[in-house]
């Protein structure tokens, strides 16, 4: 019995070795596809301050409203890239994320259906808020 298990393990290792190069190539192609997606553009808006007679620049989507930003990447499935996209859209707290719909999150993050379920992110955000 132990001999059969050992040979089964060797067979699995052989299959993995045979398919490893194909997996690496597929991963590299997917990585290149992800890099080809246009990165979000940071927009700035010039604001005239009438009382001071000066101009100031405000970054759109900045968390300068006084609320402390939460670490959205603490939610299962949200990595640094999705967290950055959400932050750039003005979603900086768990409460902000919980107030969105799954479709809104998909639109903001450009997440593929097979990769994550934004509805699960909403549930976790509500628990963490």
C-alpha atoms as a PDB file:
ATOM      1  CA  UNK A   1       0.000   0.000   0.000  1.00  0.00           C
ATOM      2  CA  UNK A   2       2.782   2.416   0.926  1.00  0.00           C
ATOM      3  CA  UNK A   3       4.515   1.568  -2.331  1.00  0.00           C
ATOM      4  CA  UNK A   4       1.377   2.536  -4.308  1.00  0.00           C
ATOM      5  CA  UNK A   5       1.125   5.850  -2.476  1.00  0.00           C
ATOM      6  CA  UNK A   6       4.792   6.555  -3.180  1.00  0.00           C
ATOM      7  CA  UNK A   7       4.415   5.847  -6.909  1.00  0.00           C
ATOM      8  CA  UNK A   8       1.227   7.902  -7.025  1.00  0.00           C
ATOM      9  CA  UNK A   9       3.150  10.836  -5.542  1.00  0.00           C
ATOM     10  CA  UNK A  10       5.901  10.402  -8.109  1.00  0.00           C
ATOM     11  CA  UNK A  11       3.285  10.367 -10.861  1.00  0.00           C
ATOM     12  CA  UNK A  12       1.811  13.629  -9.621  1.00  0.00           C
ATOM     13  CA  UNK A  13       5.256  15.180  -9.438  1.00  0.00           C
ATOM     14  CA  UNK A  14       5.889  14.084 -13.025  1.00  0.00           C
ATOM     15  CA  UNK A  15       2.644  15.674 -14.207  1.00  0.00           C
ATOM     16  CA  UNK A  16       3.461  18.915 -12.429  1.00  0.00           C
ATOM     17  CA  UNK A  17       6.939  18.996 -13.965  1.00  0.00           C
ATOM     18  CA  UNK A  18       5.549  18.385 -17.449  1.00  0.00           C
ATOM     19  CA  UNK A  19       2.980  21.166 -17.108  1.00  0.00           C
ATOM     20  CA  UNK A  20       5.221  23.617 -15.253  1.00  0.00           C
ATOM     21  CA  UNK A  21       6.555  25.350 -18.365  1.00  0.00           C
ATOM     22  CA  UNK A  22       3.040  25.753 -19.743  1.00  0.00           C
ATOM     23  CA  UNK A  23       1.871  27.188 -16.414  1.00  0.00           C
ATOM     24  CA  UNK A  24       4.764  29.660 -16.357  1.00  0.00           C
ATOM     25  CA  UNK A  25       4.068  30.767 -19.934  1.00  0.00           C
ATOM     26  CA  UNK A  26       0.358  31.180 -19.201  1.00  0.00           C
ATOM     27  CA  UNK A  27       1.145  33.166 -16.051  1.00  0.00           C
ATOM     28  CA  UNK A  28       3.519  35.451 -17.934  1.00  0.00           C
ATOM     29  CA  UNK A  29       0.900  36.079 -20.634  1.00  0.00           C
ATOM     30  CA  UNK A  30      -1.723  36.913 -17.989  1.00  0.00           C
ATOM     31  CA  UNK A  31       0.736  39.232 -16.228  1.00  0.00           C
ATOM     32  CA  UNK A  32       1.382  41.068 -19.505  1.00  0.00           C
ATOM     33  CA  UNK A  33      -2.377  41.362 -20.083  1.00  0.00           C
ATOM     34  CA  UNK A  34      -2.818  42.914 -16.651  1.00  0.00           C
ATOM     35  CA  UNK A  35      -0.007  45.364 -17.305  1.00  0.00           C
ATOM     36  CA  UNK A  36      -1.641  46.367 -20.593  1.00  0.00           C
ATOM     37  CA  UNK A  37      -4.734  47.655 -18.762  1.00  0.00           C
ATOM     38  CA  UNK A  38      -4.594  51.420 -18.583  1.00  0.00           C
ATOM     39  CA  UNK A  39      -3.538  52.479 -15.100  1.00  0.00           C
ATOM     40  CA  UNK A  40      -5.787  54.961 -13.329  1.00  0.00           C
ATOM     41  CA  UNK A  41      -4.876  58.569 -13.987  1.00  0.00           C
ATOM     42  CA  UNK A  42      -4.478  60.898 -11.038  1.00  0.00           C
ATOM     43  CA  UNK A  43      -6.382  64.069 -11.772  1.00  0.00           C
ATOM     44  CA  UNK A  44      -5.745  67.462 -10.213  1.00  0.00           C
ATOM     45  CA  UNK A  45      -8.052  70.405 -10.071  1.00  0.00           C
ATOM     46  CA  UNK A  46      -6.946  74.009  -9.665  1.00  0.00           C
ATOM     47  CA  UNK A  47      -9.065  75.829  -7.088  1.00  0.00           C
ATOM     48  CA  UNK A  48      -9.063  79.607  -6.716  1.00  0.00           C
ATOM     49  CA  UNK A  49      -9.156  80.744  -3.123  1.00  0.00           C
ATOM     50  CA  UNK A  50     -10.995  84.065  -3.344  1.00  0.00           C
ATOM     51  CA  UNK A  51     -10.379  85.270   0.200  1.00  0.00           C
ATOM     52  CA  UNK A  52      -6.619  84.691   0.155  1.00  0.00           C
ATOM     53  CA  UNK A  53      -6.078  85.473  -3.516  1.00  0.00           C
ATOM     54  CA  UNK A  54      -3.967  82.293  -3.875  1.00  0.00           C
ATOM     55  CA  UNK A  55      -4.465  79.059  -5.775  1.00  0.00           C
ATOM     56  CA  UNK A  56      -4.330  75.598  -4.324  1.00  0.00           C
ATOM     57  CA  UNK A  57      -4.272  72.141  -5.892  1.00  0.00           C
ATOM     58  CA  UNK A  58      -6.533  69.425  -4.601  1.00  0.00           C
ATOM     59  CA  UNK A  59      -6.161  65.798  -5.651  1.00  0.00           C
ATOM     60  CA  UNK A  60      -9.511  64.312  -6.605  1.00  0.00           C
ATOM     61  CA  UNK A  61     -10.358  61.307  -4.438  1.00  0.00           C
ATOM     62  CA  UNK A  62      -7.955  62.300  -1.645  1.00  0.00           C
ATOM     63  CA  UNK A  63      -8.936  61.307   1.885  1.00  0.00           C
ATOM     64  CA  UNK A  64      -8.580  64.853   3.182  1.00  0.00           C
ATOM     65  CA  UNK A  65     -12.089  65.059   4.615  1.00  0.00           C
ATOM     66  CA  UNK A  66     -10.717  64.349   8.088  1.00  0.00           C
ATOM     67  CA  UNK A  67     -11.717  60.675   8.225  1.00  0.00           C
ATOM     68  CA  UNK A  68      -8.868  58.255   8.760  1.00  0.00           C
ATOM     69  CA  UNK A  69      -8.403  55.887   5.856  1.00  0.00           C
ATOM     70  CA  UNK A  70      -8.815  52.164   6.542  1.00  0.00           C
ATOM     71  CA  UNK A  71      -6.535  49.472   5.150  1.00  0.00           C
ATOM     72  CA  UNK A  72      -8.867  48.048   2.494  1.00  0.00           C
ATOM     73  CA  UNK A  73      -6.295  45.376   1.618  1.00  0.00           C
ATOM     74  CA  UNK A  74      -7.150  43.741   4.974  1.00  0.00           C
ATOM     75  CA  UNK A  75     -10.323  42.474   3.288  1.00  0.00           C
ATOM     76  CA  UNK A  76      -9.903  39.018   1.792  1.00  0.00           C
ATOM     77  CA  UNK A  77      -9.432  39.360  -1.977  1.00  0.00           C
ATOM     78  CA  UNK A  78      -8.450  43.032  -2.015  1.00  0.00           C
ATOM     79  CA  UNK A  79      -4.769  43.403  -2.708  1.00  0.00           C
ATOM     80  CA  UNK A  80      -2.684  46.537  -3.131  1.00  0.00           C
ATOM     81  CA  UNK A  81      -3.870  47.129  -6.707  1.00  0.00           C
ATOM     82  CA  UNK A  82      -7.596  46.951  -5.929  1.00  0.00           C
ATOM     83  CA  UNK A  83      -7.092  48.990  -2.739  1.00  0.00           C
ATOM     84  CA  UNK A  84      -5.292  51.674  -4.748  1.00  0.00           C
ATOM     85  CA  UNK A  85      -8.073  51.792  -7.346  1.00  0.00           C
ATOM     86  CA  UNK A  86     -10.702  52.105  -4.618  1.00  0.00           C
ATOM     87  CA  UNK A  87      -8.722  54.835  -2.828  1.00  0.00           C
ATOM     88  CA  UNK A  88      -8.296  56.766  -6.067  1.00  0.00           C
ATOM     89  CA  UNK A  89     -12.071  56.628  -6.525  1.00  0.00           C
ATOM     90  CA  UNK A  90     -12.526  58.158  -3.069  1.00  0.00           C
ATOM     91  CA  UNK A  91     -13.342  54.867  -1.296  1.00  0.00           C
ATOM     92  CA  UNK A  92     -11.005  55.004   1.702  1.00  0.00           C
ATOM     93  CA  UNK A  93     -12.926  53.460   4.589  1.00  0.00           C
ATOM     94  CA  UNK A  94     -14.742  50.196   5.254  1.00  0.00           C
ATOM     95  CA  UNK A  95     -17.937  52.218   5.582  1.00  0.00           C
ATOM     96  CA  UNK A  96     -17.417  53.738   2.102  1.00  0.00           C
ATOM     97  CA  UNK A  97     -16.910  50.263   0.643  1.00  0.00           C
ATOM     98  CA  UNK A  98     -19.926  48.812   2.460  1.00  0.00           C
ATOM     99  CA  UNK A  99     -22.137  51.546   0.965  1.00  0.00           C
ATOM    100  CA  UNK A 100     -21.367  50.478  -2.626  1.00  0.00           C
ATOM    101  CA  UNK A 101     -23.040  47.806  -4.719  1.00  0.00           C
ATOM    102  CA  UNK A 102     -21.154  44.886  -6.198  1.00  0.00           C
ATOM    103  CA  UNK A 103     -21.537  46.362  -9.676  1.00  0.00           C
ATOM    104  CA  UNK A 104     -20.089  49.702  -8.574  1.00  0.00           C
ATOM    105  CA  UNK A 105     -17.076  47.945  -7.075  1.00  0.00           C
ATOM    106  CA  UNK A 106     -16.563  45.924 -10.278  1.00  0.00           C
ATOM    107  CA  UNK A 107     -16.645  49.129 -12.292  1.00  0.00           C
ATOM    108  CA  UNK A 108     -14.145  50.902 -10.028  1.00  0.00           C
ATOM    109  CA  UNK A 109     -11.686  48.021  -9.609  1.00  0.00           C
ATOM    110  CA  UNK A 110     -12.118  46.394 -13.010  1.00  0.00           C
ATOM    111  CA  UNK A 111     -12.108  43.027 -11.251  1.00  0.00           C
ATOM    112  CA  UNK A 112     -12.872  39.949 -13.341  1.00  0.00           C
ATOM    113  CA  UNK A 113     -15.855  37.810 -12.327  1.00  0.00           C
ATOM    114  CA  UNK A 114     -13.674  34.726 -11.954  1.00  0.00           C
ATOM    115  CA  UNK A 115     -11.180  36.499  -9.712  1.00  0.00           C
ATOM    116  CA  UNK A 116     -13.269  37.834  -6.834  1.00  0.00           C
ATOM    117  CA  UNK A 117     -16.803  38.469  -5.639  1.00  0.00           C
ATOM    118  CA  UNK A 118     -17.216  42.124  -4.607  1.00  0.00           C
ATOM    119  CA  UNK A 119     -20.358  41.179  -2.678  1.00  0.00           C
ATOM    120  CA  UNK A 120     -18.121  39.271  -0.249  1.00  0.00           C
ATOM    121  CA  UNK A 121     -15.979  42.416   0.097  1.00  0.00           C
ATOM    122  CA  UNK A 122     -19.115  44.368   1.032  1.00  0.00           C
ATOM    123  CA  UNK A 123     -20.040  41.833   3.717  1.00  0.00           C
ATOM    124  CA  UNK A 124     -16.521  41.938   5.194  1.00  0.00           C
ATOM    125  CA  UNK A 125     -16.449  45.740   5.038  1.00  0.00           C
ATOM    126  CA  UNK A 126     -19.748  45.929   6.948  1.00  0.00           C
ATOM    127  CA  UNK A 127     -18.311  43.625   9.613  1.00  0.00           C
ATOM    128  CA  UNK A 128     -15.126  45.698   9.883  1.00  0.00           C
ATOM    129  CA  UNK A 129     -16.811  49.115   9.848  1.00  0.00           C
END
